[in-house]
């Protein structure tokens, strides 16, 4: 079942983020930072929404949708982050269900565009996102950690 995450879910969400950040080249797991970030999102629905795939008391996957305003679109847009499914639950359409739910949630929330980043060598993820209608952008990400 897909539902919004709660504060009580944070330990399991941190476990999932650790798996995700172990796979990504740009980020490192840091439970303290991830806990604080999750707390800020879950506690402030105007900031975003974390959706989880729950099986009993277990969370098998998650996706994070953050909101901002785009001058190009003239309104609210979403940034999709942190789509991760436990390794032993992959290839069971959980990731597809989470992505579908995030897209629906973005539409209901008035998002005019959804942007996401993925590692350039993560071809499986790129194919998944393209199946859902995402396309490559001519823009490239640049980061600064002030």
C-alpha atoms as a PDB file:
ATOM      1  CA  UNK A   1       0.000   0.000   0.000  1.00  0.00           C
ATOM      2  CA  UNK A   2       1.299   3.462  -0.886  1.00  0.00           C
ATOM      3  CA  UNK A   3       0.801   6.220   1.656  1.00  0.00           C
ATOM      4  CA  UNK A   4       2.436   9.345   3.025  1.00  0.00           C
ATOM      5  CA  UNK A   5       5.348   8.795   5.388  1.00  0.00           C
ATOM      6  CA  UNK A   6       5.094   9.738   9.055  1.00  0.00           C
ATOM      7  CA  UNK A   7       7.697  10.810  11.606  1.00  0.00           C
ATOM      8  CA  UNK A   8       7.679   7.251  12.990  1.00  0.00           C
ATOM      9  CA  UNK A   9       8.895   5.989   9.592  1.00  0.00           C
ATOM     10  CA  UNK A  10      12.155   7.960   9.707  1.00  0.00           C
ATOM     11  CA  UNK A  11      14.417   5.084  10.894  1.00  0.00           C
ATOM     12  CA  UNK A  12      13.282   2.856   8.000  1.00  0.00           C
ATOM     13  CA  UNK A  13      13.534   5.765   5.550  1.00  0.00           C
ATOM     14  CA  UNK A  14      17.115   6.382   6.706  1.00  0.00           C
ATOM     15  CA  UNK A  15      17.894   2.717   6.000  1.00  0.00           C
ATOM     16  CA  UNK A  16      16.551   3.137   2.457  1.00  0.00           C
ATOM     17  CA  UNK A  17      18.487   6.373   1.936  1.00  0.00           C
ATOM     18  CA  UNK A  18      21.674   4.650   3.063  1.00  0.00           C
ATOM     19  CA  UNK A  19      21.142   2.044   0.322  1.00  0.00           C
ATOM     20  CA  UNK A  20      20.473   4.795  -2.216  1.00  0.00           C
ATOM     21  CA  UNK A  21      23.454   6.957  -1.272  1.00  0.00           C
ATOM     22  CA  UNK A  22      25.737   3.912  -1.325  1.00  0.00           C
ATOM     23  CA  UNK A  23      24.829   3.588  -5.033  1.00  0.00           C
ATOM     24  CA  UNK A  24      25.152   7.280  -5.924  1.00  0.00           C
ATOM     25  CA  UNK A  25      28.470   8.903  -6.661  1.00  0.00           C
ATOM     26  CA  UNK A  26      27.546  12.411  -5.452  1.00  0.00           C
ATOM     27  CA  UNK A  27      26.254  11.662  -1.949  1.00  0.00           C
ATOM     28  CA  UNK A  28      27.322   9.873   1.224  1.00  0.00           C
ATOM     29  CA  UNK A  29      25.011   8.398   3.850  1.00  0.00           C
ATOM     30  CA  UNK A  30      24.805  10.459   7.042  1.00  0.00           C
ATOM     31  CA  UNK A  31      21.984   9.302   9.308  1.00  0.00           C
ATOM     32  CA  UNK A  32      21.923  12.560  11.286  1.00  0.00           C
ATOM     33  CA  UNK A  33      21.557  14.681   8.145  1.00  0.00           C
ATOM     34  CA  UNK A  34      19.041  12.333   6.555  1.00  0.00           C
ATOM     35  CA  UNK A  35      16.951  12.281   9.747  1.00  0.00           C
ATOM     36  CA  UNK A  36      16.854  16.075   9.859  1.00  0.00           C
ATOM     37  CA  UNK A  37      15.975  16.377   6.168  1.00  0.00           C
ATOM     38  CA  UNK A  38      13.200  13.800   6.459  1.00  0.00           C
ATOM     39  CA  UNK A  39      11.840  15.541   9.571  1.00  0.00           C
ATOM     40  CA  UNK A  40      11.688  18.858   7.717  1.00  0.00           C
ATOM     41  CA  UNK A  41       9.802  17.369   4.767  1.00  0.00           C
ATOM     42  CA  UNK A  42       7.363  15.230   6.758  1.00  0.00           C
ATOM     43  CA  UNK A  43       6.689  18.050   9.235  1.00  0.00           C
ATOM     44  CA  UNK A  44       6.061  20.662   6.532  1.00  0.00           C
ATOM     45  CA  UNK A  45       3.657  19.433   3.841  1.00  0.00           C
ATOM     46  CA  UNK A  46       4.068  22.714   1.928  1.00  0.00           C
ATOM     47  CA  UNK A  47       7.734  21.730   1.381  1.00  0.00           C
ATOM     48  CA  UNK A  48       7.020  18.317  -0.082  1.00  0.00           C
ATOM     49  CA  UNK A  49       5.743  14.815   0.400  1.00  0.00           C
ATOM     50  CA  UNK A  50       7.395  11.460   0.997  1.00  0.00           C
ATOM     51  CA  UNK A  51       5.436   8.469  -0.260  1.00  0.00           C
ATOM     52  CA  UNK A  52       6.199   4.969   0.977  1.00  0.00           C
ATOM     53  CA  UNK A  53       5.292   1.473  -0.151  1.00  0.00           C
ATOM     54  CA  UNK A  54       4.229  -0.216   3.078  1.00  0.00           C
ATOM     55  CA  UNK A  55       3.892  -3.954   3.563  1.00  0.00           C
ATOM     56  CA  UNK A  56       2.598  -4.469   7.084  1.00  0.00           C
ATOM     57  CA  UNK A  57       5.070  -2.673   9.360  1.00  0.00           C
ATOM     58  CA  UNK A  58       7.803  -2.791   6.713  1.00  0.00           C
ATOM     59  CA  UNK A  59       8.573  -0.018   4.251  1.00  0.00           C
ATOM     60  CA  UNK A  60       9.831  -1.595   1.012  1.00  0.00           C
ATOM     61  CA  UNK A  61      10.366   1.618  -0.944  1.00  0.00           C
ATOM     62  CA  UNK A  62      10.068   5.385  -0.940  1.00  0.00           C
ATOM     63  CA  UNK A  63       9.973   8.439  -3.178  1.00  0.00           C
ATOM     64  CA  UNK A  64      10.357  12.092  -2.271  1.00  0.00           C
ATOM     65  CA  UNK A  65       8.594  14.991  -4.027  1.00  0.00           C
ATOM     66  CA  UNK A  66       9.712  18.533  -3.162  1.00  0.00           C
ATOM     67  CA  UNK A  67       7.948  21.728  -4.249  1.00  0.00           C
ATOM     68  CA  UNK A  68       9.179  25.068  -5.532  1.00  0.00           C
ATOM     69  CA  UNK A  69       7.911  27.763  -7.888  1.00  0.00           C
ATOM     70  CA  UNK A  70       9.148  28.093 -11.464  1.00  0.00           C
ATOM     71  CA  UNK A  71       9.107  31.427 -13.253  1.00  0.00           C
ATOM     72  CA  UNK A  72       9.367  29.522 -16.560  1.00  0.00           C
ATOM     73  CA  UNK A  73       6.181  27.569 -15.795  1.00  0.00           C
ATOM     74  CA  UNK A  74       4.478  30.339 -13.857  1.00  0.00           C
ATOM     75  CA  UNK A  75       3.643  28.207 -10.863  1.00  0.00           C
ATOM     76  CA  UNK A  76       4.402  25.259  -8.629  1.00  0.00           C
ATOM     77  CA  UNK A  77       6.743  22.546  -9.851  1.00  0.00           C
ATOM     78  CA  UNK A  78       8.062  19.397  -8.243  1.00  0.00           C
ATOM     79  CA  UNK A  79      11.511  17.914  -7.790  1.00  0.00           C
ATOM     80  CA  UNK A  80      11.412  14.135  -7.601  1.00  0.00           C
ATOM     81  CA  UNK A  81      14.138  12.645  -5.414  1.00  0.00           C
ATOM     82  CA  UNK A  82      15.097   9.534  -3.518  1.00  0.00           C
ATOM     83  CA  UNK A  83      13.223   6.824  -5.416  1.00  0.00           C
ATOM     84  CA  UNK A  84      14.535   3.622  -3.853  1.00  0.00           C
ATOM     85  CA  UNK A  85      13.222   0.076  -3.369  1.00  0.00           C
ATOM     86  CA  UNK A  86      14.832  -2.537  -1.135  1.00  0.00           C
ATOM     87  CA  UNK A  87      16.994  -4.889  -3.221  1.00  0.00           C
ATOM     88  CA  UNK A  88      14.981  -7.998  -2.302  1.00  0.00           C
ATOM     89  CA  UNK A  89      11.740  -6.263  -3.391  1.00  0.00           C
ATOM     90  CA  UNK A  90      12.934  -4.993  -6.775  1.00  0.00           C
ATOM     91  CA  UNK A  91      11.456  -6.160 -10.083  1.00  0.00           C
ATOM     92  CA  UNK A  92       8.025  -6.403  -8.453  1.00  0.00           C
ATOM     93  CA  UNK A  93       6.693  -3.080  -9.864  1.00  0.00           C
ATOM     94  CA  UNK A  94       7.042  -1.312  -6.488  1.00  0.00           C
ATOM     95  CA  UNK A  95       9.257   1.365  -8.060  1.00  0.00           C
ATOM     96  CA  UNK A  96       6.734   1.830 -10.875  1.00  0.00           C
ATOM     97  CA  UNK A  97       3.888   2.092  -8.368  1.00  0.00           C
ATOM     98  CA  UNK A  98       5.795   4.675  -6.320  1.00  0.00           C
ATOM     99  CA  UNK A  99       6.692   6.710  -9.410  1.00  0.00           C
ATOM    100  CA  UNK A 100       3.094   6.581 -10.637  1.00  0.00           C
ATOM    101  CA  UNK A 101       1.840   7.707  -7.207  1.00  0.00           C
ATOM    102  CA  UNK A 102       4.367  10.564  -7.089  1.00  0.00           C
ATOM    103  CA  UNK A 103       3.292  11.773 -10.538  1.00  0.00           C
ATOM    104  CA  UNK A 104      -0.380  11.622  -9.508  1.00  0.00           C
ATOM    105  CA  UNK A 105       0.408  13.439  -6.264  1.00  0.00           C
ATOM    106  CA  UNK A 106       2.294  16.140  -8.184  1.00  0.00           C
ATOM    107  CA  UNK A 107      -0.672  16.660 -10.520  1.00  0.00           C
ATOM    108  CA  UNK A 108      -3.138  16.863  -7.626  1.00  0.00           C
ATOM    109  CA  UNK A 109      -0.799  19.305  -5.860  1.00  0.00           C
ATOM    110  CA  UNK A 110      -0.812  21.600  -8.876  1.00  0.00           C
ATOM    111  CA  UNK A 111       2.693  20.894 -10.146  1.00  0.00           C
ATOM    112  CA  UNK A 112       3.214  22.039 -13.714  1.00  0.00           C
ATOM    113  CA  UNK A 113       6.498  20.159 -14.196  1.00  0.00           C
ATOM    114  CA  UNK A 114       8.450  17.413 -12.439  1.00  0.00           C
ATOM    115  CA  UNK A 115      12.238  17.427 -12.600  1.00  0.00           C
ATOM    116  CA  UNK A 116      14.551  14.685 -11.423  1.00  0.00           C
ATOM    117  CA  UNK A 117      18.238  13.885 -11.399  1.00  0.00           C
ATOM    118  CA  UNK A 118      19.757  10.445 -11.787  1.00  0.00           C
ATOM    119  CA  UNK A 119      23.306   9.220 -12.160  1.00  0.00           C
ATOM    120  CA  UNK A 120      24.305   9.377 -15.819  1.00  0.00           C
ATOM    121  CA  UNK A 121      25.411   5.722 -15.772  1.00  0.00           C
ATOM    122  CA  UNK A 122      22.195   4.435 -14.164  1.00  0.00           C
ATOM    123  CA  UNK A 123      20.711   3.209 -17.432  1.00  0.00           C
ATOM    124  CA  UNK A 124      17.991   1.139 -15.764  1.00  0.00           C
ATOM    125  CA  UNK A 125      16.652   4.179 -13.912  1.00  0.00           C
ATOM    126  CA  UNK A 126      16.883   6.339 -17.037  1.00  0.00           C
ATOM    127  CA  UNK A 127      14.853   3.766 -19.017  1.00  0.00           C
ATOM    128  CA  UNK A 128      12.269   3.603 -16.209  1.00  0.00           C
ATOM    129  CA  UNK A 129      11.849   7.373 -16.110  1.00  0.00           C
ATOM    130  CA  UNK A 130      11.609   7.578 -19.895  1.00  0.00           C
ATOM    131  CA  UNK A 131       8.843   4.943 -19.878  1.00  0.00           C
ATOM    132  CA  UNK A 132       6.912   7.313 -17.608  1.00  0.00           C
ATOM    133  CA  UNK A 133       7.379  10.219 -20.021  1.00  0.00           C
ATOM    134  CA  UNK A 134      10.467  11.933 -18.602  1.00  0.00           C
ATOM    135  CA  UNK A 135      12.907  13.196 -21.209  1.00  0.00           C
ATOM    136  CA  UNK A 136      16.495  14.391 -21.102  1.00  0.00           C
ATOM    137  CA  UNK A 137      17.054  18.094 -20.635  1.00  0.00           C
ATOM    138  CA  UNK A 138      19.671  20.261 -22.293  1.00  0.00           C
ATOM    139  CA  UNK A 139      20.394  21.701 -18.851  1.00  0.00           C
ATOM    140  CA  UNK A 140      23.126  20.210 -16.670  1.00  0.00           C
ATOM    141  CA  UNK A 141      23.232  20.289 -12.882  1.00  0.00           C
ATOM    142  CA  UNK A 142      25.846  22.346 -11.102  1.00  0.00           C
ATOM    143  CA  UNK A 143      26.207  22.353  -7.308  1.00  0.00           C
ATOM    144  CA  UNK A 144      27.679  24.548  -4.621  1.00  0.00           C
ATOM    145  CA  UNK A 145      27.845  23.608  -0.962  1.00  0.00           C
ATOM    146  CA  UNK A 146      28.285  27.016   0.745  1.00  0.00           C
END
